[in-house]
Amino acid sequence: MKKFFSIIALGAMTLSLSSFTNSDEQIEVDLKMDCMNLQHDVYAAYLSNGSTLDEAFDAAIAAYDSCVS
């Protein structure tokens, strides 16, 4: 459950970045939002396919890390 709330907290931090007006900063925020959406999709897909919470969390974090780097 702790891992689930860390995903929620990371989402909230990403949303707080969306108030930037500089176009370069906005592009970075948009990229992070896309990566966050990917992370949530991977997490949900793993859970719906019968994976454990830990497996789903690890896959979601790996997807996010790959996306932003």
PDB file of N, CA and C in Angstrom:
ATOM      1  N   MET A   1       0.828  -1.190   0.000  1.00  0.00           N
ATOM      2  CA  MET A   1       0.000   0.000   0.000  1.00  0.00           C
ATOM      3  C   MET A   1       0.873   1.256   0.000  1.00  0.00           C
ATOM      4  N   LYS A   2       2.018   1.172   0.692  1.00  0.00           N
ATOM      5  CA  LYS A   2       2.919   2.317   0.756  1.00  0.00           C
ATOM      6  C   LYS A   2       3.401   2.693  -0.645  1.00  0.00           C
ATOM      7  N   LYS A   3       3.674   1.688  -1.465  1.00  0.00           N
ATOM      8  CA  LYS A   3       4.148   1.950  -2.823  1.00  0.00           C
ATOM      9  C   LYS A   3       3.059   2.614  -3.666  1.00  0.00           C
ATOM     10  N   PHE A   4       1.835   2.211  -3.464  1.00  0.00           N
ATOM     11  CA  PHE A   4       0.718   2.803  -4.200  1.00  0.00           C
ATOM     12  C   PHE A   4       0.624   4.296  -3.903  1.00  0.00           C
ATOM     13  N   PHE A   5       0.759   4.659  -2.620  1.00  0.00           N
ATOM     14  CA  PHE A   5       0.668   6.062  -2.249  1.00  0.00           C
ATOM     15  C   PHE A   5       1.862   6.856  -2.768  1.00  0.00           C
ATOM     16  N   SER A   6       3.034   6.191  -2.922  1.00  0.00           N
ATOM     17  CA  SER A   6       4.157   6.927  -3.497  1.00  0.00           C
ATOM     18  C   SER A   6       3.901   7.244  -4.960  1.00  0.00           C
ATOM     19  N   ILE A   7       3.210   6.373  -5.664  1.00  0.00           N
ATOM     20  CA  ILE A   7       2.849   6.666  -7.054  1.00  0.00           C
ATOM     21  C   ILE A   7       1.889   7.854  -7.093  1.00  0.00           C
ATOM     22  N   ILE A   8       0.926   7.876  -6.190  1.00  0.00           N
ATOM     23  CA  ILE A   8      -0.021   8.992  -6.118  1.00  0.00           C
ATOM     24  C   ILE A   8       0.716  10.290  -5.797  1.00  0.00           C
ATOM     25  N   ALA A   9       1.645  10.248  -4.860  1.00  0.00           N
ATOM     26  CA  ALA A   9       2.396  11.448  -4.481  1.00  0.00           C
ATOM     27  C   ALA A   9       3.232  11.953  -5.645  1.00  0.00           C
ATOM     28  N   LEU A  10       3.840  11.047  -6.386  1.00  0.00           N
ATOM     29  CA  LEU A  10       4.630  11.446  -7.549  1.00  0.00           C
ATOM     30  C   LEU A  10       3.734  12.103  -8.593  1.00  0.00           C
ATOM     31  N   GLY A  11       2.537  11.600  -8.750  1.00  0.00           N
ATOM     32  CA  GLY A  11       1.586  12.215  -9.672  1.00  0.00           C
ATOM     33  C   GLY A  11       1.204  13.614  -9.246  1.00  0.00           C
ATOM     34  N   ALA A  12       1.001  13.793  -7.960  1.00  0.00           N
ATOM     35  CA  ALA A  12       0.645  15.121  -7.450  1.00  0.00           C
ATOM     36  C   ALA A  12       1.783  16.110  -7.662  1.00  0.00           C
ATOM     37  N   MET A  13       3.015  15.657  -7.455  1.00  0.00           N
ATOM     38  CA  MET A  13       4.157  16.547  -7.686  1.00  0.00           C
ATOM     39  C   MET A  13       4.258  16.914  -9.166  1.00  0.00           C
ATOM     40  N   THR A  14       4.004  15.962 -10.033  1.00  0.00           N
ATOM     41  CA  THR A  14       4.063  16.235 -11.470  1.00  0.00           C
ATOM     42  C   THR A  14       2.983  17.230 -11.866  1.00  0.00           C
ATOM     43  N   LEU A  15       1.797  17.075 -11.314  1.00  0.00           N
ATOM     44  CA  LEU A  15       0.721  18.007 -11.627  1.00  0.00           C
ATOM     45  C   LEU A  15       1.032  19.414 -11.139  1.00  0.00           C
ATOM     46  N   SER A  16       1.738  19.521 -10.036  1.00  0.00           N
ATOM     47  CA  SER A  16       2.068  20.844  -9.513  1.00  0.00           C
ATOM     48  C   SER A  16       3.039  21.580 -10.425  1.00  0.00           C
ATOM     49  N   LEU A  17       3.761  20.852 -11.255  1.00  0.00           N
ATOM     50  CA  LEU A  17       4.707  21.476 -12.188  1.00  0.00           C
ATOM     51  C   LEU A  17       4.012  22.075 -13.408  1.00  0.00           C
ATOM     52  N   SER A  18       2.755  21.783 -13.593  1.00  0.00           N
ATOM     53  CA  SER A  18       2.070  22.179 -14.823  1.00  0.00           C
ATOM     54  C   SER A  18       1.740  23.663 -14.895  1.00  0.00           C
ATOM     55  N   SER A  19       2.109  24.460 -13.901  1.00  0.00           N
ATOM     56  CA  SER A  19       1.797  25.884 -13.926  1.00  0.00           C
ATOM     57  C   SER A  19       2.870  26.713 -14.630  1.00  0.00           C
ATOM     58  N   PHE A  20       3.930  26.084 -15.119  1.00  0.00           N
ATOM     59  CA  PHE A  20       4.979  26.810 -15.827  1.00  0.00           C
ATOM     60  C   PHE A  20       4.450  27.378 -17.136  1.00  0.00           C
ATOM     61  N   THR A  21       4.969  28.550 -17.515  1.00  0.00           N
ATOM     62  CA  THR A  21       4.528  29.170 -18.757  1.00  0.00           C
ATOM     63  C   THR A  21       5.599  29.141 -19.841  1.00  0.00           C
ATOM     64  N   ASN A  22       6.861  28.970 -19.480  1.00  0.00           N
ATOM     65  CA  ASN A  22       7.934  28.888 -20.448  1.00  0.00           C
ATOM     66  C   ASN A  22       7.724  27.655 -21.322  1.00  0.00           C
ATOM     67  N   SER A  23       7.864  27.824 -22.634  1.00  0.00           N
ATOM     68  CA  SER A  23       7.557  26.715 -23.537  1.00  0.00           C
ATOM     69  C   SER A  23       8.511  25.539 -23.351  1.00  0.00           C
ATOM     70  N   ASP A  24       9.805  25.795 -23.082  1.00  0.00           N
ATOM     71  CA  ASP A  24      10.734  24.694 -22.845  1.00  0.00           C
ATOM     72  C   ASP A  24      10.364  23.941 -21.573  1.00  0.00           C
ATOM     73  N   GLU A  25      10.008  24.679 -20.554  1.00  0.00           N
ATOM     74  CA  GLU A  25       9.597  24.041 -19.315  1.00  0.00           C
ATOM     75  C   GLU A  25       8.281  23.293 -19.515  1.00  0.00           C
ATOM     76  N   GLN A  26       7.393  23.856 -20.313  1.00  0.00           N
ATOM     77  CA  GLN A  26       6.109  23.197 -20.566  1.00  0.00           C
ATOM     78  C   GLN A  26       6.312  21.889 -21.317  1.00  0.00           C
ATOM     79  N   ILE A  27       7.254  21.869 -22.242  1.00  0.00           N
ATOM     80  CA  ILE A  27       7.549  20.636 -22.968  1.00  0.00           C
ATOM     81  C   ILE A  27       8.036  19.565 -22.005  1.00  0.00           C
ATOM     82  N   GLU A  28       8.902  19.962 -21.067  1.00  0.00           N
ATOM     83  CA  GLU A  28       9.403  19.000 -20.083  1.00  0.00           C
ATOM     84  C   GLU A  28       8.283  18.506 -19.180  1.00  0.00           C
ATOM     85  N   VAL A  29       7.404  19.397 -18.791  1.00  0.00           N
ATOM     86  CA  VAL A  29       6.265  19.001 -17.955  1.00  0.00           C
ATOM     87  C   VAL A  29       5.357  18.047 -18.725  1.00  0.00           C
ATOM     88  N   ASP A  30       5.113  18.358 -19.986  1.00  0.00           N
ATOM     89  CA  ASP A  30       4.277  17.484 -20.812  1.00  0.00           C
ATOM     90  C   ASP A  30       4.905  16.098 -20.946  1.00  0.00           C
ATOM     91  N   LEU A  31       6.233  16.061 -21.120  1.00  0.00           N
ATOM     92  CA  LEU A  31       6.924  14.775 -21.213  1.00  0.00           C
ATOM     93  C   LEU A  31       6.770  13.997 -19.917  1.00  0.00           C
ATOM     94  N   LYS A  32       6.942  14.679 -18.785  1.00  0.00           N
ATOM     95  CA  LYS A  32       6.792  13.992 -17.495  1.00  0.00           C
ATOM     96  C   LYS A  32       5.360  13.505 -17.293  1.00  0.00           C
ATOM     97  N   MET A  33       4.396  14.288 -17.754  1.00  0.00           N
ATOM     98  CA  MET A  33       2.996  13.847 -17.639  1.00  0.00           C
ATOM     99  C   MET A  33       2.757  12.608 -18.509  1.00  0.00           C
ATOM    100  N   ASP A  34       3.321  12.603 -19.714  1.00  0.00           N
ATOM    101  CA  ASP A  34       3.194  11.429 -20.572  1.00  0.00           C
ATOM    102  C   ASP A  34       3.826  10.207 -19.912  1.00  0.00           C
ATOM    103  N   CYS A  35       4.991  10.416 -19.292  1.00  0.00           N
ATOM    104  CA  CYS A  35       5.668   9.319 -18.599  1.00  0.00           C
ATOM    105  C   CYS A  35       4.862   8.852 -17.394  1.00  0.00           C
ATOM    106  N   MET A  36       4.244   9.798 -16.690  1.00  0.00           N
ATOM    107  CA  MET A  36       3.409   9.446 -15.543  1.00  0.00           C
ATOM    108  C   MET A  36       2.192   8.626 -16.001  1.00  0.00           C
ATOM    109  N   ASN A  37       1.596   9.032 -17.110  1.00  0.00           N
ATOM    110  CA  ASN A  37       0.466   8.264 -17.647  1.00  0.00           C
ATOM    111  C   ASN A  37       0.906   6.864 -18.054  1.00  0.00           C
ATOM    112  N   LEU A  38       2.089   6.764 -18.652  1.00  0.00           N
ATOM    113  CA  LEU A  38       2.631   5.453 -19.007  1.00  0.00           C
ATOM    114  C   LEU A  38       2.817   4.609 -17.749  1.00  0.00           C
ATOM    115  N   GLN A  39       3.357   5.218 -16.703  1.00  0.00           N
ATOM    116  CA  GLN A  39       3.585   4.502 -15.449  1.00  0.00           C
ATOM    117  C   GLN A  39       2.272   3.945 -14.899  1.00  0.00           C
ATOM    118  N   HIS A  40       1.240   4.754 -14.908  1.00  0.00           N
ATOM    119  CA  HIS A  40      -0.066   4.293 -14.402  1.00  0.00           C
ATOM    120  C   HIS A  40      -0.638   3.187 -15.288  1.00  0.00           C
ATOM    121  N   ASP A  41      -0.471   3.317 -16.584  1.00  0.00           N
ATOM    122  CA  ASP A  41      -0.973   2.286 -17.502  1.00  0.00           C
ATOM    123  C   ASP A  41      -0.255   0.952 -17.293  1.00  0.00           C
ATOM    124  N   VAL A  42       1.065   1.012 -17.114  1.00  0.00           N
ATOM    125  CA  VAL A  42       1.837  -0.214 -16.887  1.00  0.00           C
ATOM    126  C   VAL A  42       1.420  -0.850 -15.570  1.00  0.00           C
ATOM    127  N   TYR A  43       1.268  -0.034 -14.538  1.00  0.00           N
ATOM    128  CA  TYR A  43       0.852  -0.542 -13.228  1.00  0.00           C
ATOM    129  C   TYR A  43      -0.503  -1.255 -13.333  1.00  0.00           C
ATOM    130  N   ALA A  44      -1.450  -0.603 -13.986  1.00  0.00           N
ATOM    131  CA  ALA A  44      -2.790  -1.191 -14.134  1.00  0.00           C
ATOM    132  C   ALA A  44      -2.755  -2.463 -14.979  1.00  0.00           C
ATOM    133  N   ALA A  45      -1.952  -2.447 -16.038  1.00  0.00           N
ATOM    134  CA  ALA A  45      -1.870  -3.623 -16.910  1.00  0.00           C
ATOM    135  C   ALA A  45      -1.301  -4.822 -16.153  1.00  0.00           C
ATOM    136  N   TYR A  46      -0.263  -4.590 -15.381  1.00  0.00           N
ATOM    137  CA  TYR A  46       0.318  -5.695 -14.614  1.00  0.00           C
ATOM    138  C   TYR A  46      -0.682  -6.242 -13.604  1.00  0.00           C
ATOM    139  N   LEU A  47      -1.381  -5.352 -12.918  1.00  0.00           N
ATOM    140  CA  LEU A  47      -2.353  -5.816 -11.932  1.00  0.00           C
ATOM    141  C   LEU A  47      -3.499  -6.578 -12.592  1.00  0.00           C
ATOM    142  N   SER A  48      -3.960  -6.094 -13.739  1.00  0.00           N
ATOM    143  CA  SER A  48      -5.078  -6.766 -14.404  1.00  0.00           C
ATOM    144  C   SER A  48      -4.672  -8.115 -14.991  1.00  0.00           C
ATOM    145  N   ASN A  49      -3.368  -8.314 -15.185  1.00  0.00           N
ATOM    146  CA  ASN A  49      -2.889  -9.603 -15.698  1.00  0.00           C
ATOM    147  C   ASN A  49      -2.482 -10.562 -14.587  1.00  0.00           C
ATOM    148  N   GLY A  50      -2.796 -10.217 -13.340  1.00  0.00           N
ATOM    149  CA  GLY A  50      -2.581 -11.129 -12.229  1.00  0.00           C
ATOM    150  C   GLY A  50      -1.238 -11.011 -11.539  1.00  0.00           C
ATOM    151  N   SER A  51      -0.458  -9.996 -11.846  1.00  0.00           N
ATOM    152  CA  SER A  51       0.826  -9.810 -11.175  1.00  0.00           C
ATOM    153  C   SER A  51       0.604  -9.326  -9.743  1.00  0.00           C
ATOM    154  N   THR A  52       1.622  -9.517  -8.923  1.00  0.00           N
ATOM    155  CA  THR A  52       1.540  -9.030  -7.548  1.00  0.00           C
ATOM    156  C   THR A  52       1.720  -7.513  -7.545  1.00  0.00           C
ATOM    157  N   LEU A  53       1.391  -6.899  -6.413  1.00  0.00           N
ATOM    158  CA  LEU A  53       1.566  -5.451  -6.284  1.00  0.00           C
ATOM    159  C   LEU A  53       3.032  -5.052  -6.451  1.00  0.00           C
ATOM    160  N   ASP A  54       3.928  -5.853  -5.891  1.00  0.00           N
ATOM    161  CA  ASP A  54       5.356  -5.541  -6.009  1.00  0.00           C
ATOM    162  C   ASP A  54       5.827  -5.634  -7.455  1.00  0.00           C
ATOM    163  N   GLU A  55       5.385  -6.654  -8.177  1.00  0.00           N
ATOM    164  CA  GLU A  55       5.767  -6.792  -9.589  1.00  0.00           C
ATOM    165  C   GLU A  55       5.228  -5.628 -10.409  1.00  0.00           C
ATOM    166  N   ALA A  56       3.986  -5.257 -10.153  1.00  0.00           N
ATOM    167  CA  ALA A  56       3.371  -4.146 -10.885  1.00  0.00           C
ATOM    168  C   ALA A  56       4.088  -2.838 -10.573  1.00  0.00           C
ATOM    169  N   PHE A  57       4.417  -2.635  -9.306  1.00  0.00           N
ATOM    170  CA  PHE A  57       5.115  -1.416  -8.911  1.00  0.00           C
ATOM    171  C   PHE A  57       6.499  -1.343  -9.552  1.00  0.00           C
ATOM    172  N   ASP A  58       7.238  -2.441  -9.498  1.00  0.00           N
ATOM    173  CA  ASP A  58       8.583  -2.461 -10.080  1.00  0.00           C
ATOM    174  C   ASP A  58       8.535  -2.195 -11.581  1.00  0.00           C
ATOM    175  N   ALA A  59       7.582  -2.785 -12.272  1.00  0.00           N
ATOM    176  CA  ALA A  59       7.445  -2.570 -13.716  1.00  0.00           C
ATOM    177  C   ALA A  59       7.057  -1.126 -14.027  1.00  0.00           C
ATOM    178  N   ALA A  60       6.173  -0.559 -13.213  1.00  0.00           N
ATOM    179  CA  ALA A  60       5.740   0.827 -13.429  1.00  0.00           C
ATOM    180  C   ALA A  60       6.895   1.814 -13.222  1.00  0.00           C
ATOM    181  N   ILE A  61       7.684   1.591 -12.183  1.00  0.00           N
ATOM    182  CA  ILE A  61       8.839   2.459 -11.921  1.00  0.00           C
ATOM    183  C   ILE A  61       9.862   2.317 -13.037  1.00  0.00           C
ATOM    184  N   ALA A  62      10.107   1.108 -13.497  1.00  0.00           N
ATOM    185  CA  ALA A  62      11.054   0.890 -14.594  1.00  0.00           C
ATOM    186  C   ALA A  62      10.577   1.590 -15.871  1.00  0.00           C
ATOM    187  N   ALA A  63       9.276   1.530 -16.133  1.00  0.00           N
ATOM    188  CA  ALA A  63       8.727   2.188 -17.318  1.00  0.00           C
ATOM    189  C   ALA A  63       8.899   3.695 -17.214  1.00  0.00           C
ATOM    190  N   TYR A  64       8.633   4.256 -16.048  1.00  0.00           N
ATOM    191  CA  TYR A  64       8.793   5.701 -15.847  1.00  0.00           C
ATOM    192  C   TYR A  64      10.251   6.117 -16.010  1.00  0.00           C
ATOM    193  N   ASP A  65      11.141   5.364 -15.374  1.00  0.00           N
ATOM    194  CA  ASP A  65      12.569   5.684 -15.462  1.00  0.00           C
ATOM    195  C   ASP A  65      13.071   5.634 -16.908  1.00  0.00           C
ATOM    196  N   SER A  66      12.622   4.637 -17.639  1.00  0.00           N
ATOM    197  CA  SER A  66      13.021   4.524 -19.047  1.00  0.00           C
ATOM    198  C   SER A  66      12.462   5.675 -19.867  1.00  0.00           C
ATOM    199  N   CYS A  67      11.282   6.087 -19.543  1.00  0.00           N
ATOM    200  CA  CYS A  67      10.615   7.150 -20.305  1.00  0.00           C
ATOM    201  C   CYS A  67      11.296   8.498 -20.112  1.00  0.00           C
ATOM    202  N   VAL A  68      11.663   8.842 -18.881  1.00  0.00           N
ATOM    203  CA  VAL A  68      12.231  10.151 -18.617  1.00  0.00           C
ATOM    204  C   VAL A  68      13.717  10.250 -18.926  1.00  0.00           C
ATOM    205  N   SER A  69      14.380   9.126 -19.112  1.00  0.00           N
ATOM    206  CA  SER A  69      15.814   9.205 -19.397  1.00  0.00           C
ATOM    207  C   SER A  69      16.122   9.057 -20.866  1.00  0.00           C
TER     208      SER A  69
END
